[in-house]
Amino acid sequence: MDIRITDIDKAKSYNVKNNISRIFFVLSETPPAKWVRIFDELWVNRFYMSKRHAGIQGKYLYIDCVPNEIEKDHLPELNDNVRETNTIFTKWQQEQDEIRRRNEETDRRRRKEIDDIRDDIDFN
């Protein structure tokens, strides 16, 4: 998975209070729920001096911040978090694919075993 921040949605962004705005970034695609959970977990554990609340809503990543902090303070951290999320999600997806492949192989062998047994039984 290679989700990226592609733009800011000015129309969706709004003032929260005082000089804090909720800035919505457009993602390259809508992430699956597991990706969102990984992103959230990584963000909660990420520390930097001016860290702000951030999250995912559909195909948007948002952060509550002073707008002039975005480029220098927040965008590099958000991009790092997205990249790390992509890496962890891809690894998780590969593990799930391997589990599914092993389960399918086990099911295939079991069906063949049953077929072989059935072929040997005289039902008359």
PDB file of N, CA and C in Angstrom:
ATOM      1  N   MET A   1       0.853  -1.174   0.000  1.00  0.00           N
ATOM      2  CA  MET A   1       0.000   0.000   0.000  1.00  0.00           C
ATOM      3  C   MET A   1       0.892   1.227   0.000  1.00  0.00           C
ATOM      4  N   ASP A   2       0.517   2.201  -0.807  1.00  0.00           N
ATOM      5  CA  ASP A   2       1.326   3.414  -0.922  1.00  0.00           C
ATOM      6  C   ASP A   2       0.433   4.646  -0.843  1.00  0.00           C
ATOM      7  N   ILE A   3      -0.196   4.833   0.307  1.00  0.00           N
ATOM      8  CA  ILE A   3      -1.031   6.013   0.520  1.00  0.00           C
ATOM      9  C   ILE A   3      -0.109   7.202   0.761  1.00  0.00           C
ATOM     10  N   ARG A   4      -0.475   8.340   0.176  1.00  0.00           N
ATOM     11  CA  ARG A   4       0.306   9.563   0.319  1.00  0.00           C
ATOM     12  C   ARG A   4      -0.622  10.750   0.566  1.00  0.00           C
ATOM     13  N   ILE A   5      -0.083  11.779   1.162  1.00  0.00           N
ATOM     14  CA  ILE A   5      -0.776  13.060   1.273  1.00  0.00           C
ATOM     15  C   ILE A   5      -0.556  13.775  -0.059  1.00  0.00           C
ATOM     16  N   THR A   6      -1.657  14.182  -0.700  1.00  0.00           N
ATOM     17  CA  THR A   6      -1.527  14.763  -2.038  1.00  0.00           C
ATOM     18  C   THR A   6      -1.880  16.244  -2.110  1.00  0.00           C
ATOM     19  N   ASP A   7      -2.629  16.760  -1.135  1.00  0.00           N
ATOM     20  CA  ASP A   7      -3.086  18.148  -1.236  1.00  0.00           C
ATOM     21  C   ASP A   7      -3.733  18.565   0.080  1.00  0.00           C
ATOM     22  N   ILE A   8      -4.074  19.835   0.178  1.00  0.00           N
ATOM     23  CA  ILE A   8      -4.892  20.354   1.275  1.00  0.00           C
ATOM     24  C   ILE A   8      -6.258  20.682   0.696  1.00  0.00           C
ATOM     25  N   ASP A   9      -7.309  20.285   1.388  1.00  0.00           N
ATOM     26  CA  ASP A   9      -8.667  20.642   0.969  1.00  0.00           C
ATOM     27  C   ASP A   9      -9.070  21.913   1.724  1.00  0.00           C
ATOM     28  N   LYS A  10      -8.916  23.055   1.071  1.00  0.00           N
ATOM     29  CA  LYS A  10      -9.219  24.343   1.706  1.00  0.00           C
ATOM     30  C   LYS A  10     -10.691  24.452   2.073  1.00  0.00           C
ATOM     31  N   ALA A  11     -11.556  23.922   1.219  1.00  0.00           N
ATOM     32  CA  ALA A  11     -13.000  24.037   1.459  1.00  0.00           C
ATOM     33  C   ALA A  11     -13.432  23.232   2.680  1.00  0.00           C
ATOM     34  N   LYS A  12     -12.788  22.114   2.934  1.00  0.00           N
ATOM     35  CA  LYS A  12     -13.169  21.255   4.058  1.00  0.00           C
ATOM     36  C   LYS A  12     -12.545  21.739   5.375  1.00  0.00           C
ATOM     37  N   SER A  13     -11.417  22.411   5.307  1.00  0.00           N
ATOM     38  CA  SER A  13     -10.715  22.893   6.497  1.00  0.00           C
ATOM     39  C   SER A  13     -11.502  24.034   7.136  1.00  0.00           C
ATOM     40  N   TYR A  14     -11.424  24.128   8.476  1.00  0.00           N
ATOM     41  CA  TYR A  14     -12.196  25.165   9.173  1.00  0.00           C
ATOM     42  C   TYR A  14     -11.517  25.551  10.484  1.00  0.00           C
ATOM     43  N   ASN A  15     -11.930  26.691  11.024  1.00  0.00           N
ATOM     44  CA  ASN A  15     -11.413  27.177  12.294  1.00  0.00           C
ATOM     45  C   ASN A  15     -12.057  26.400  13.438  1.00  0.00           C
ATOM     46  N   VAL A  16     -11.239  25.929  14.382  1.00  0.00           N
ATOM     47  CA  VAL A  16     -11.737  25.187  15.538  1.00  0.00           C
ATOM     48  C   VAL A  16     -11.982  26.156  16.695  1.00  0.00           C
ATOM     49  N   LYS A  17     -10.966  26.903  17.065  1.00  0.00           N
ATOM     50  CA  LYS A  17     -11.096  27.937  18.098  1.00  0.00           C
ATOM     51  C   LYS A  17      -9.844  28.805  18.060  1.00  0.00           C
ATOM     52  N   ASN A  18     -10.027  30.061  18.395  1.00  0.00           N
ATOM     53  CA  ASN A  18      -8.925  31.028  18.385  1.00  0.00           C
ATOM     54  C   ASN A  18      -8.128  30.906  17.086  1.00  0.00           C
ATOM     55  N   ASN A  19      -6.845  30.600  17.170  1.00  0.00           N
ATOM     56  CA  ASN A  19      -6.030  30.504  15.954  1.00  0.00           C
ATOM     57  C   ASN A  19      -5.801  29.056  15.504  1.00  0.00           C
ATOM     58  N   ILE A  20      -6.513  28.116  16.103  1.00  0.00           N
ATOM     59  CA  ILE A  20      -6.383  26.694  15.740  1.00  0.00           C
ATOM     60  C   ILE A  20      -7.410  26.349  14.660  1.00  0.00           C
ATOM     61  N   SER A  21      -6.921  25.743  13.603  1.00  0.00           N
ATOM     62  CA  SER A  21      -7.783  25.288  12.509  1.00  0.00           C
ATOM     63  C   SER A  21      -7.673  23.786  12.358  1.00  0.00           C
ATOM     64  N   ARG A  22      -8.735  23.167  11.878  1.00  0.00           N
ATOM     65  CA  ARG A  22      -8.670  21.755  11.482  1.00  0.00           C
ATOM     66  C   ARG A  22      -8.356  21.764   9.995  1.00  0.00           C
ATOM     67  N   ILE A  23      -7.149  21.333   9.672  1.00  0.00           N
ATOM     68  CA  ILE A  23      -6.667  21.312   8.293  1.00  0.00           C
ATOM     69  C   ILE A  23      -6.845  19.903   7.745  1.00  0.00           C
ATOM     70  N   PHE A  24      -7.528  19.801   6.616  1.00  0.00           N
ATOM     71  CA  PHE A  24      -7.770  18.508   5.982  1.00  0.00           C
ATOM     72  C   PHE A  24      -6.820  18.326   4.803  1.00  0.00           C
ATOM     73  N   PHE A  25      -6.052  17.249   4.856  1.00  0.00           N
ATOM     74  CA  PHE A  25      -5.183  16.849   3.751  1.00  0.00           C
ATOM     75  C   PHE A  25      -5.881  15.747   2.973  1.00  0.00           C
ATOM     76  N   VAL A  26      -5.783  15.810   1.660  1.00  0.00           N
ATOM     77  CA  VAL A  26      -6.357  14.779   0.799  1.00  0.00           C
ATOM     78  C   VAL A  26      -5.346  13.640   0.703  1.00  0.00           C
ATOM     79  N   LEU A  27      -5.831  12.419   0.912  1.00  0.00           N
ATOM     80  CA  LEU A  27      -4.984  11.234   0.750  1.00  0.00           C
ATOM     81  C   LEU A  27      -5.146  10.688  -0.664  1.00  0.00           C
ATOM     82  N   SER A  28      -4.156   9.979  -1.129  1.00  0.00           N
ATOM     83  CA  SER A  28      -4.178   9.427  -2.488  1.00  0.00           C
ATOM     84  C   SER A  28      -5.268   8.379  -2.671  1.00  0.00           C
ATOM     85  N   GLU A  29      -5.727   7.794  -1.580  1.00  0.00           N
ATOM     86  CA  GLU A  29      -6.854   6.854  -1.624  1.00  0.00           C
ATOM     87  C   GLU A  29      -7.449   6.735  -0.223  1.00  0.00           C
ATOM     88  N   THR A  30      -8.665   6.226  -0.145  1.00  0.00           N
ATOM     89  CA  THR A  30      -9.303   6.013   1.147  1.00  0.00           C
ATOM     90  C   THR A  30      -8.671   4.784   1.794  1.00  0.00           C
ATOM     91  N   PRO A  31      -8.079   4.945   2.964  1.00  0.00           N
ATOM     92  CA  PRO A  31      -7.404   3.797   3.579  1.00  0.00           C
ATOM     93  C   PRO A  31      -8.391   2.821   4.220  1.00  0.00           C
ATOM     94  N   PRO A  32      -8.024   1.538   4.237  1.00  0.00           N
ATOM     95  CA  PRO A  32      -8.853   0.551   4.939  1.00  0.00           C
ATOM     96  C   PRO A  32      -8.786   0.779   6.453  1.00  0.00           C
ATOM     97  N   ALA A  33      -9.760   0.220   7.159  1.00  0.00           N
ATOM     98  CA  ALA A  33      -9.876   0.414   8.608  1.00  0.00           C
ATOM     99  C   ALA A  33      -8.593   0.002   9.343  1.00  0.00           C
ATOM    100  N   LYS A  34      -7.977  -1.091   8.954  1.00  0.00           N
ATOM    101  CA  LYS A  34      -6.747  -1.550   9.618  1.00  0.00           C
ATOM    102  C   LYS A  34      -5.637  -0.510   9.457  1.00  0.00           C
ATOM    103  N   TRP A  35      -5.528   0.093   8.285  1.00  0.00           N
ATOM    104  CA  TRP A  35      -4.529   1.129   8.032  1.00  0.00           C
ATOM    105  C   TRP A  35      -4.769   2.306   8.979  1.00  0.00           C
ATOM    106  N   VAL A  36      -6.023   2.699   9.131  1.00  0.00           N
ATOM    107  CA  VAL A  36      -6.381   3.815  10.010  1.00  0.00           C
ATOM    108  C   VAL A  36      -5.987   3.503  11.454  1.00  0.00           C
ATOM    109  N   ARG A  37      -6.261   2.280  11.916  1.00  0.00           N
ATOM    110  CA  ARG A  37      -5.904   1.900  13.285  1.00  0.00           C
ATOM    111  C   ARG A  37      -4.383   1.958  13.494  1.00  0.00           C
ATOM    112  N   ILE A  38      -3.633   1.503  12.497  1.00  0.00           N
ATOM    113  CA  ILE A  38      -2.171   1.563  12.593  1.00  0.00           C
ATOM    114  C   ILE A  38      -1.715   3.015  12.630  1.00  0.00           C
ATOM    115  N   PHE A  39      -2.270   3.844  11.736  1.00  0.00           N
ATOM    116  CA  PHE A  39      -1.914   5.265  11.718  1.00  0.00           C
ATOM    117  C   PHE A  39      -2.163   5.895  13.085  1.00  0.00           C
ATOM    118  N   ASP A  40      -3.364   5.662  13.637  1.00  0.00           N
ATOM    119  CA  ASP A  40      -3.722   6.244  14.932  1.00  0.00           C
ATOM    120  C   ASP A  40      -2.761   5.800  16.037  1.00  0.00           C
ATOM    121  N   GLU A  41      -2.451   4.512  16.067  1.00  0.00           N
ATOM    122  CA  GLU A  41      -1.548   3.988  17.092  1.00  0.00           C
ATOM    123  C   GLU A  41      -0.159   4.611  16.970  1.00  0.00           C
ATOM    124  N   LEU A  42       0.339   4.708  15.747  1.00  0.00           N
ATOM    125  CA  LEU A  42       1.647   5.327  15.546  1.00  0.00           C
ATOM    126  C   LEU A  42       1.618   6.800  15.939  1.00  0.00           C
ATOM    127  N   TRP A  43       0.535   7.496  15.599  1.00  0.00           N
ATOM    128  CA  TRP A  43       0.460   8.930  15.903  1.00  0.00           C
ATOM    129  C   TRP A  43       0.419   9.155  17.411  1.00  0.00           C
ATOM    130  N   VAL A  44      -0.336   8.351  18.127  1.00  0.00           N
ATOM    131  CA  VAL A  44      -0.409   8.487  19.584  1.00  0.00           C
ATOM    132  C   VAL A  44       0.983   8.342  20.199  1.00  0.00           C
ATOM    133  N   ASN A  45       1.797   7.471  19.643  1.00  0.00           N
ATOM    134  CA  ASN A  45       3.119   7.206  20.193  1.00  0.00           C
ATOM    135  C   ASN A  45       4.227   8.084  19.603  1.00  0.00           C
ATOM    136  N   ARG A  46       3.878   8.963  18.657  1.00  0.00           N
ATOM    137  CA  ARG A  46       4.858   9.856  18.039  1.00  0.00           C
ATOM    138  C   ARG A  46       4.992  11.108  18.912  1.00  0.00           C
ATOM    139  N   PHE A  47       6.225  11.508  19.152  1.00  0.00           N
ATOM    140  CA  PHE A  47       6.458  12.697  19.966  1.00  0.00           C
ATOM    141  C   PHE A  47       7.314  13.691  19.198  1.00  0.00           C
ATOM    142  N   TYR A  48       6.873  14.925  19.185  1.00  0.00           N
ATOM    143  CA  TYR A  48       7.677  16.045  18.709  1.00  0.00           C
ATOM    144  C   TYR A  48       7.159  17.300  19.393  1.00  0.00           C
ATOM    145  N   MET A  49       7.945  18.353  19.391  1.00  0.00           N
ATOM    146  CA  MET A  49       7.686  19.529  20.221  1.00  0.00           C
ATOM    147  C   MET A  49       6.289  20.130  20.046  1.00  0.00           C
ATOM    148  N   SER A  50       5.844  20.344  18.845  1.00  0.00           N
ATOM    149  CA  SER A  50       4.568  21.045  18.627  1.00  0.00           C
ATOM    150  C   SER A  50       3.450  20.099  18.185  1.00  0.00           C
ATOM    151  N   LYS A  51       3.532  18.851  18.606  1.00  0.00           N
ATOM    152  CA  LYS A  51       2.567  17.842  18.174  1.00  0.00           C
ATOM    153  C   LYS A  51       1.132  18.269  18.478  1.00  0.00           C
ATOM    154  N   ARG A  52       0.245  17.987  17.532  1.00  0.00           N
ATOM    155  CA  ARG A  52      -1.178  18.295  17.656  1.00  0.00           C
ATOM    156  C   ARG A  52      -2.004  17.046  17.371  1.00  0.00           C
ATOM    157  N   HIS A  53      -3.291  17.143  17.731  1.00  0.00           N
ATOM    158  CA  HIS A  53      -4.224  16.048  17.453  1.00  0.00           C
ATOM    159  C   HIS A  53      -4.375  15.884  15.939  1.00  0.00           C
ATOM    160  N   ALA A  54      -4.328  14.636  15.475  1.00  0.00           N
ATOM    161  CA  ALA A  54      -4.510  14.324  14.054  1.00  0.00           C
ATOM    162  C   ALA A  54      -5.292  13.027  13.939  1.00  0.00           C
ATOM    163  N   GLY A  55      -5.931  12.834  12.812  1.00  0.00           N
ATOM    164  CA  GLY A  55      -6.685  11.612  12.585  1.00  0.00           C
ATOM    165  C   GLY A  55      -7.082  11.470  11.124  1.00  0.00           C
ATOM    166  N   ILE A  56      -7.834  10.430  10.854  1.00  0.00           N
ATOM    167  CA  ILE A  56      -8.277  10.109   9.498  1.00  0.00           C
ATOM    168  C   ILE A  56      -9.795  10.156   9.459  1.00  0.00           C
ATOM    169  N   GLN A  57     -10.334  10.767   8.400  1.00  0.00           N
ATOM    170  CA  GLN A  57     -11.777  10.745   8.115  1.00  0.00           C
ATOM    171  C   GLN A  57     -11.934  10.427   6.638  1.00  0.00           C
ATOM    172  N   GLY A  58     -12.319   9.194   6.346  1.00  0.00           N
ATOM    173  CA  GLY A  58     -12.487   8.806   4.943  1.00  0.00           C
ATOM    174  C   GLY A  58     -11.189   8.950   4.188  1.00  0.00           C
ATOM    175  N   LYS A  59     -11.212   9.733   3.108  1.00  0.00           N
ATOM    176  CA  LYS A  59      -9.995   9.900   2.304  1.00  0.00           C
ATOM    177  C   LYS A  59      -9.170  11.112   2.744  1.00  0.00           C
ATOM    178  N   TYR A  60      -9.443  11.595   3.957  1.00  0.00           N
ATOM    179  CA  TYR A  60      -8.752  12.772   4.480  1.00  0.00           C
ATOM    180  C   TYR A  60      -7.971  12.456   5.745  1.00  0.00           C
ATOM    181  N   LEU A  61      -6.829  13.108   5.864  1.00  0.00           N
ATOM    182  CA  LEU A  61      -6.064  13.137   7.095  1.00  0.00           C
ATOM    183  C   LEU A  61      -6.206  14.569   7.610  1.00  0.00           C
ATOM    184  N   TYR A  62      -6.542  14.727   8.885  1.00  0.00           N
ATOM    185  CA  TYR A  62      -6.689  16.084   9.418  1.00  0.00           C
ATOM    186  C   TYR A  62      -5.758  16.290  10.604  1.00  0.00           C
ATOM    187  N   ILE A  63      -5.450  17.554  10.847  1.00  0.00           N
ATOM    188  CA  ILE A  63      -4.685  17.935  12.026  1.00  0.00           C
ATOM    189  C   ILE A  63      -5.234  19.268  12.522  1.00  0.00           C
ATOM    190  N   ASP A  64      -5.321  19.400  13.842  1.00  0.00           N
ATOM    191  CA  ASP A  64      -5.747  20.648  14.467  1.00  0.00           C
ATOM    192  C   ASP A  64      -4.495  21.431  14.824  1.00  0.00           C
ATOM    193  N   CYS A  65      -4.289  22.579  14.147  1.00  0.00           N
ATOM    194  CA  CYS A  65      -3.055  23.327  14.367  1.00  0.00           C
ATOM    195  C   CYS A  65      -3.202  24.774  13.917  1.00  0.00           C
ATOM    196  N   VAL A  66      -2.180  25.547  14.214  1.00  0.00           N
ATOM    197  CA  VAL A  66      -2.065  26.893  13.665  1.00  0.00           C
ATOM    198  C   VAL A  66      -1.589  26.703  12.222  1.00  0.00           C
ATOM    199  N   PRO A  67      -2.300  27.258  11.248  1.00  0.00           N
ATOM    200  CA  PRO A  67      -1.949  26.994   9.849  1.00  0.00           C
ATOM    201  C   PRO A  67      -0.491  27.263   9.478  1.00  0.00           C
ATOM    202  N   ASN A  68       0.121  28.286  10.053  1.00  0.00           N
ATOM    203  CA  ASN A  68       1.508  28.561   9.649  1.00  0.00           C
ATOM    204  C   ASN A  68       2.515  27.559  10.229  1.00  0.00           C
ATOM    205  N   GLU A  69       2.055  26.596  11.023  1.00  0.00           N
ATOM    206  CA  GLU A  69       2.920  25.524  11.545  1.00  0.00           C
ATOM    207  C   GLU A  69       2.970  24.319  10.610  1.00  0.00           C
ATOM    208  N   ILE A  70       2.078  24.278   9.638  1.00  0.00           N
ATOM    209  CA  ILE A  70       1.921  23.058   8.831  1.00  0.00           C
ATOM    210  C   ILE A  70       3.211  22.627   8.160  1.00  0.00           C
ATOM    211  N   GLU A  71       3.755  23.480   7.317  1.00  0.00           N
ATOM    212  CA  GLU A  71       4.877  23.067   6.479  1.00  0.00           C
ATOM    213  C   GLU A  71       6.111  22.680   7.287  1.00  0.00           C
ATOM    214  N   LYS A  72       6.471  23.490   8.261  1.00  0.00           N
ATOM    215  CA  LYS A  72       7.706  23.245   9.008  1.00  0.00           C
ATOM    216  C   LYS A  72       7.542  22.196  10.101  1.00  0.00           C
ATOM    217  N   ASP A  73       6.446  22.278  10.854  1.00  0.00           N
ATOM    218  CA  ASP A  73       6.309  21.449  12.044  1.00  0.00           C
ATOM    219  C   ASP A  73       5.544  20.143  11.829  1.00  0.00           C
ATOM    220  N   HIS A  74       4.442  20.201  11.094  1.00  0.00           N
ATOM    221  CA  HIS A  74       3.535  19.053  11.084  1.00  0.00           C
ATOM    222  C   HIS A  74       3.614  18.177   9.835  1.00  0.00           C
ATOM    223  N   LEU A  75       3.730  18.773   8.676  1.00  0.00           N
ATOM    224  CA  LEU A  75       3.714  17.958   7.455  1.00  0.00           C
ATOM    225  C   LEU A  75       4.832  16.917   7.429  1.00  0.00           C
ATOM    226  N   PRO A  76       6.072  17.264   7.824  1.00  0.00           N
ATOM    227  CA  PRO A  76       7.106  16.213   7.844  1.00  0.00           C
ATOM    228  C   PRO A  76       6.745  15.052   8.772  1.00  0.00           C
ATOM    229  N   GLU A  77       6.180  15.362   9.934  1.00  0.00           N
ATOM    230  CA  GLU A  77       5.789  14.308  10.880  1.00  0.00           C
ATOM    231  C   GLU A  77       4.622  13.486  10.345  1.00  0.00           C
ATOM    232  N   LEU A  78       3.645  14.166   9.749  1.00  0.00           N
ATOM    233  CA  LEU A  78       2.502  13.442   9.169  1.00  0.00           C
ATOM    234  C   LEU A  78       2.964  12.534   8.038  1.00  0.00           C
ATOM    235  N   ASN A  79       3.841  13.051   7.166  1.00  0.00           N
ATOM    236  CA  ASN A  79       4.352  12.222   6.066  1.00  0.00           C
ATOM    237  C   ASN A  79       5.119  11.013   6.588  1.00  0.00           C
ATOM    238  N   ASP A  80       5.929  11.207   7.627  1.00  0.00           N
ATOM    239  CA  ASP A  80       6.656  10.073   8.229  1.00  0.00           C
ATOM    240  C   ASP A  80       5.675   9.051   8.792  1.00  0.00           C
ATOM    241  N   ASN A  81       4.633   9.536   9.465  1.00  0.00           N
ATOM    242  CA  ASN A  81       3.648   8.634  10.058  1.00  0.00           C
ATOM    243  C   ASN A  81       2.920   7.846   8.972  1.00  0.00           C
ATOM    244  N   VAL A  82       2.586   8.504   7.873  1.00  0.00           N
ATOM    245  CA  VAL A  82       1.922   7.832   6.747  1.00  0.00           C
ATOM    246  C   VAL A  82       2.848   6.771   6.158  1.00  0.00           C
ATOM    247  N   ARG A  83       4.124   7.110   5.958  1.00  0.00           N
ATOM    248  CA  ARG A  83       5.077   6.130   5.400  1.00  0.00           C
ATOM    249  C   ARG A  83       5.232   4.926   6.321  1.00  0.00           C
ATOM    250  N   GLU A  84       5.369   5.175   7.623  1.00  0.00           N
ATOM    251  CA  GLU A  84       5.495   4.062   8.571  1.00  0.00           C
ATOM    252  C   GLU A  84       4.227   3.213   8.586  1.00  0.00           C
ATOM    253  N   THR A  85       3.086   3.862   8.511  1.00  0.00           N
ATOM    254  CA  THR A  85       1.811   3.129   8.460  1.00  0.00           C
ATOM    255  C   THR A  85       1.759   2.255   7.223  1.00  0.00           C
ATOM    256  N   ASN A  86       2.161   2.797   6.073  1.00  0.00           N
ATOM    257  CA  ASN A  86       2.191   2.006   4.834  1.00  0.00           C
ATOM    258  C   ASN A  86       3.068   0.771   4.996  1.00  0.00           C
ATOM    259  N   THR A  87       4.237   0.942   5.592  1.00  0.00           N
ATOM    260  CA  THR A  87       5.173  -0.170   5.773  1.00  0.00           C
ATOM    261  C   THR A  87       4.579  -1.248   6.672  1.00  0.00           C
ATOM    262  N   ILE A  88       4.041  -0.836   7.805  1.00  0.00           N
ATOM    263  CA  ILE A  88       3.465  -1.805   8.750  1.00  0.00           C
ATOM    264  C   ILE A  88       2.239  -2.473   8.151  1.00  0.00           C
ATOM    265  N   PHE A  89       1.392  -1.701   7.474  1.00  0.00           N
ATOM    266  CA  PHE A  89       0.194  -2.271   6.872  1.00  0.00           C
ATOM    267  C   PHE A  89       0.563  -3.281   5.785  1.00  0.00           C
ATOM    268  N   THR A  90       1.544  -2.957   4.961  1.00  0.00           N
ATOM    269  CA  THR A  90       1.972  -3.866   3.895  1.00  0.00           C
ATOM    270  C   THR A  90       2.489  -5.172   4.489  1.00  0.00           C
ATOM    271  N   LYS A  91       3.282  -5.069   5.554  1.00  0.00           N
ATOM    272  CA  LYS A  91       3.780  -6.284   6.218  1.00  0.00           C
ATOM    273  C   LYS A  91       2.618  -7.099   6.779  1.00  0.00           C
ATOM    274  N   TRP A  92       1.681  -6.432   7.442  1.00  0.00           N
ATOM    275  CA  TRP A  92       0.505  -7.120   7.991  1.00  0.00           C
ATOM    276  C   TRP A  92      -0.282  -7.801   6.860  1.00  0.00           C
ATOM    277  N   GLN A  93      -0.450  -7.094   5.746  1.00  0.00           N
ATOM    278  CA  GLN A  93      -1.188  -7.647   4.607  1.00  0.00           C
ATOM    279  C   GLN A  93      -0.485  -8.894   4.050  1.00  0.00           C
ATOM    280  N   GLN A  94       0.830  -8.845   3.962  1.00  0.00           N
ATOM    281  CA  GLN A  94       1.591 -10.002   3.482  1.00  0.00           C
ATOM    282  C   GLN A  94       1.436 -11.183   4.439  1.00  0.00           C
ATOM    283  N   GLU A  95       1.453 -10.901   5.736  1.00  0.00           N
ATOM    284  CA  GLU A  95       1.254 -11.974   6.716  1.00  0.00           C
ATOM    285  C   GLU A  95      -0.143 -12.576   6.578  1.00  0.00           C
ATOM    286  N   GLN A  96      -1.143 -11.727   6.373  1.00  0.00           N
ATOM    287  CA  GLN A  96      -2.511 -12.215   6.197  1.00  0.00           C
ATOM    288  C   GLN A  96      -2.632 -13.054   4.924  1.00  0.00           C
ATOM    289  N   ASP A  97      -1.971 -12.617   3.861  1.00  0.00           N
ATOM    290  CA  ASP A  97      -1.977 -13.388   2.611  1.00  0.00           C
ATOM    291  C   ASP A  97      -1.341 -14.761   2.823  1.00  0.00           C
ATOM    292  N   GLU A  98      -0.255 -14.817   3.582  1.00  0.00           N
ATOM    293  CA  GLU A  98       0.420 -16.095   3.848  1.00  0.00           C
ATOM    294  C   GLU A  98      -0.469 -17.005   4.701  1.00  0.00           C
ATOM    295  N   ILE A  99      -1.119 -16.452   5.695  1.00  0.00           N
ATOM    296  CA  ILE A  99      -2.051 -17.240   6.517  1.00  0.00           C
ATOM    297  C   ILE A  99      -3.178 -17.778   5.654  1.00  0.00           C
ATOM    298  N   ARG A 100      -3.738 -16.936   4.798  1.00  0.00           N
ATOM    299  CA  ARG A 100      -4.818 -17.358   3.901  1.00  0.00           C
ATOM    300  C   ARG A 100      -4.338 -18.454   2.951  1.00  0.00           C
ATOM    301  N   ARG A 101      -3.120 -18.300   2.418  1.00  0.00           N
ATOM    302  CA  ARG A 101      -2.561 -19.310   1.506  1.00  0.00           C
ATOM    303  C   ARG A 101      -2.387 -20.641   2.221  1.00  0.00           C
ATOM    304  N   ARG A 102      -1.861 -20.597   3.454  1.00  0.00           N
ATOM    305  CA  ARG A 102      -1.679 -21.841   4.224  1.00  0.00           C
ATOM    306  C   ARG A 102      -3.021 -22.487   4.544  1.00  0.00           C
ATOM    307  N   ASN A 103      -3.996 -21.687   4.905  1.00  0.00           N
ATOM    308  CA  ASN A 103      -5.331 -22.227   5.192  1.00  0.00           C
ATOM    309  C   ASN A 103      -5.956 -22.858   3.961  1.00  0.00           C
ATOM    310  N   GLU A 104      -5.798 -22.211   2.814  1.00  0.00           N
ATOM    311  CA  GLU A 104      -6.323 -22.779   1.567  1.00  0.00           C
ATOM    312  C   GLU A 104      -5.631 -24.089   1.230  1.00  0.00           C
ATOM    313  N   GLU A 105      -4.319 -24.146   1.451  1.00  0.00           N
ATOM    314  CA  GLU A 105      -3.564 -25.374   1.188  1.00  0.00           C
ATOM    315  C   GLU A 105      -4.016 -26.488   2.138  1.00  0.00           C
ATOM    316  N   THR A 106      -4.217 -26.165   3.395  1.00  0.00           N
ATOM    317  CA  THR A 106      -4.712 -27.147   4.370  1.00  0.00           C
ATOM    318  C   THR A 106      -6.089 -27.646   3.952  1.00  0.00           C
ATOM    319  N   ASP A 107      -6.966 -26.748   3.558  1.00  0.00           N
ATOM    320  CA  ASP A 107      -8.303 -27.143   3.099  1.00  0.00           C
ATOM    321  C   ASP A 107      -8.230 -28.024   1.855  1.00  0.00           C
ATOM    322  N   ARG A 108      -7.345 -27.692   0.916  1.00  0.00           N
ATOM    323  CA  ARG A 108      -7.187 -28.474  -0.304  1.00  0.00           C
ATOM    324  C   ARG A 108      -6.734 -29.898   0.025  1.00  0.00           C
ATOM    325  N   ARG A 109      -5.734 -30.011   0.923  1.00  0.00           N
ATOM    326  CA  ARG A 109      -5.249 -31.347   1.322  1.00  0.00           C
ATOM    327  C   ARG A 109      -6.351 -32.140   2.027  1.00  0.00           C
ATOM    328  N   ARG A 110      -7.117 -31.479   2.876  1.00  0.00           N
ATOM    329  CA  ARG A 110      -8.199 -32.149   3.607  1.00  0.00           C
ATOM    330  C   ARG A 110      -9.265 -32.662   2.630  1.00  0.00           C
ATOM    331  N   ARG A 111      -9.626 -31.822   1.661  1.00  0.00           N
ATOM    332  CA  ARG A 111     -10.631 -32.267   0.670  1.00  0.00           C
ATOM    333  C   ARG A 111     -10.108 -33.441  -0.146  1.00  0.00           C
ATOM    334  N   LYS A 112      -8.823 -33.402  -0.514  1.00  0.00           N
ATOM    335  CA  LYS A 112      -8.234 -34.507  -1.275  1.00  0.00           C
ATOM    336  C   LYS A 112      -8.234 -35.783  -0.434  1.00  0.00           C
ATOM    337  N   GLU A 113      -7.891 -35.664   0.837  1.00  0.00           N
ATOM    338  CA  GLU A 113      -7.889 -36.821   1.735  1.00  0.00           C
ATOM    339  C   GLU A 113      -9.294 -37.427   1.817  1.00  0.00           C
ATOM    340  N   ILE A 114     -10.286 -36.580   1.950  1.00  0.00           N
ATOM    341  CA  ILE A 114     -11.676 -37.063   2.020  1.00  0.00           C
ATOM    342  C   ILE A 114     -12.070 -37.704   0.695  1.00  0.00           C
ATOM    343  N   ASP A 115     -11.678 -37.083  -0.417  1.00  0.00           N
ATOM    344  CA  ASP A 115     -11.965 -37.677  -1.731  1.00  0.00           C
ATOM    345  C   ASP A 115     -11.316 -39.051  -1.858  1.00  0.00           C
ATOM    346  N   ASP A 116     -10.058 -39.167  -1.418  1.00  0.00           N
ATOM    347  CA  ASP A 116      -9.357 -40.455  -1.498  1.00  0.00           C
ATOM    348  C   ASP A 116     -10.057 -41.512  -0.650  1.00  0.00           C
ATOM    349  N   ILE A 117     -10.480 -41.128   0.529  1.00  0.00           N
ATOM    350  CA  ILE A 117     -11.203 -42.063   1.415  1.00  0.00           C
ATOM    351  C   ILE A 117     -12.513 -42.468   0.762  1.00  0.00           C
ATOM    352  N   ARG A 118     -13.232 -41.495   0.241  1.00  0.00           N
ATOM    353  CA  ARG A 118     -14.524 -41.765  -0.394  1.00  0.00           C
ATOM    354  C   ARG A 118     -14.345 -42.721  -1.586  1.00  0.00           C
ATOM    355  N   ASP A 119     -13.285 -42.539  -2.336  1.00  0.00           N
ATOM    356  CA  ASP A 119     -13.040 -43.401  -3.486  1.00  0.00           C
ATOM    357  C   ASP A 119     -12.781 -44.852  -3.076  1.00  0.00           C
ATOM    358  N   ASP A 120     -12.227 -45.042  -1.877  1.00  0.00           N
ATOM    359  CA  ASP A 120     -11.898 -46.384  -1.398  1.00  0.00           C
ATOM    360  C   ASP A 120     -13.079 -47.080  -0.731  1.00  0.00           C
ATOM    361  N   ILE A 121     -14.111 -46.343  -0.432  1.00  0.00           N
ATOM    362  CA  ILE A 121     -15.254 -46.941   0.298  1.00  0.00           C
ATOM    363  C   ILE A 121     -16.255 -47.486  -0.702  1.00  0.00           C
ATOM    364  N   ASP A 122     -16.716 -48.701  -0.375  1.00  0.00           N
ATOM    365  CA  ASP A 122     -17.775 -49.313  -1.185  1.00  0.00           C
ATOM    366  C   ASP A 122     -19.084 -49.056  -0.453  1.00  0.00           C
ATOM    367  N   PHE A 123     -19.908 -48.190  -1.035  1.00  0.00           N
ATOM    368  CA  PHE A 123     -21.167 -47.812  -0.397  1.00  0.00           C
ATOM    369  C   PHE A 123     -22.296 -48.787  -0.722  1.00  0.00           C
ATOM    370  N   ASN A 124     -22.011 -49.873  -1.361  1.00  0.00           N
ATOM    371  CA  ASN A 124     -23.069 -50.861  -1.693  1.00  0.00           C
ATOM    372  C   ASN A 124     -23.200 -51.929  -0.680  1.00  0.00           C
TER     373      ASN A 124
END
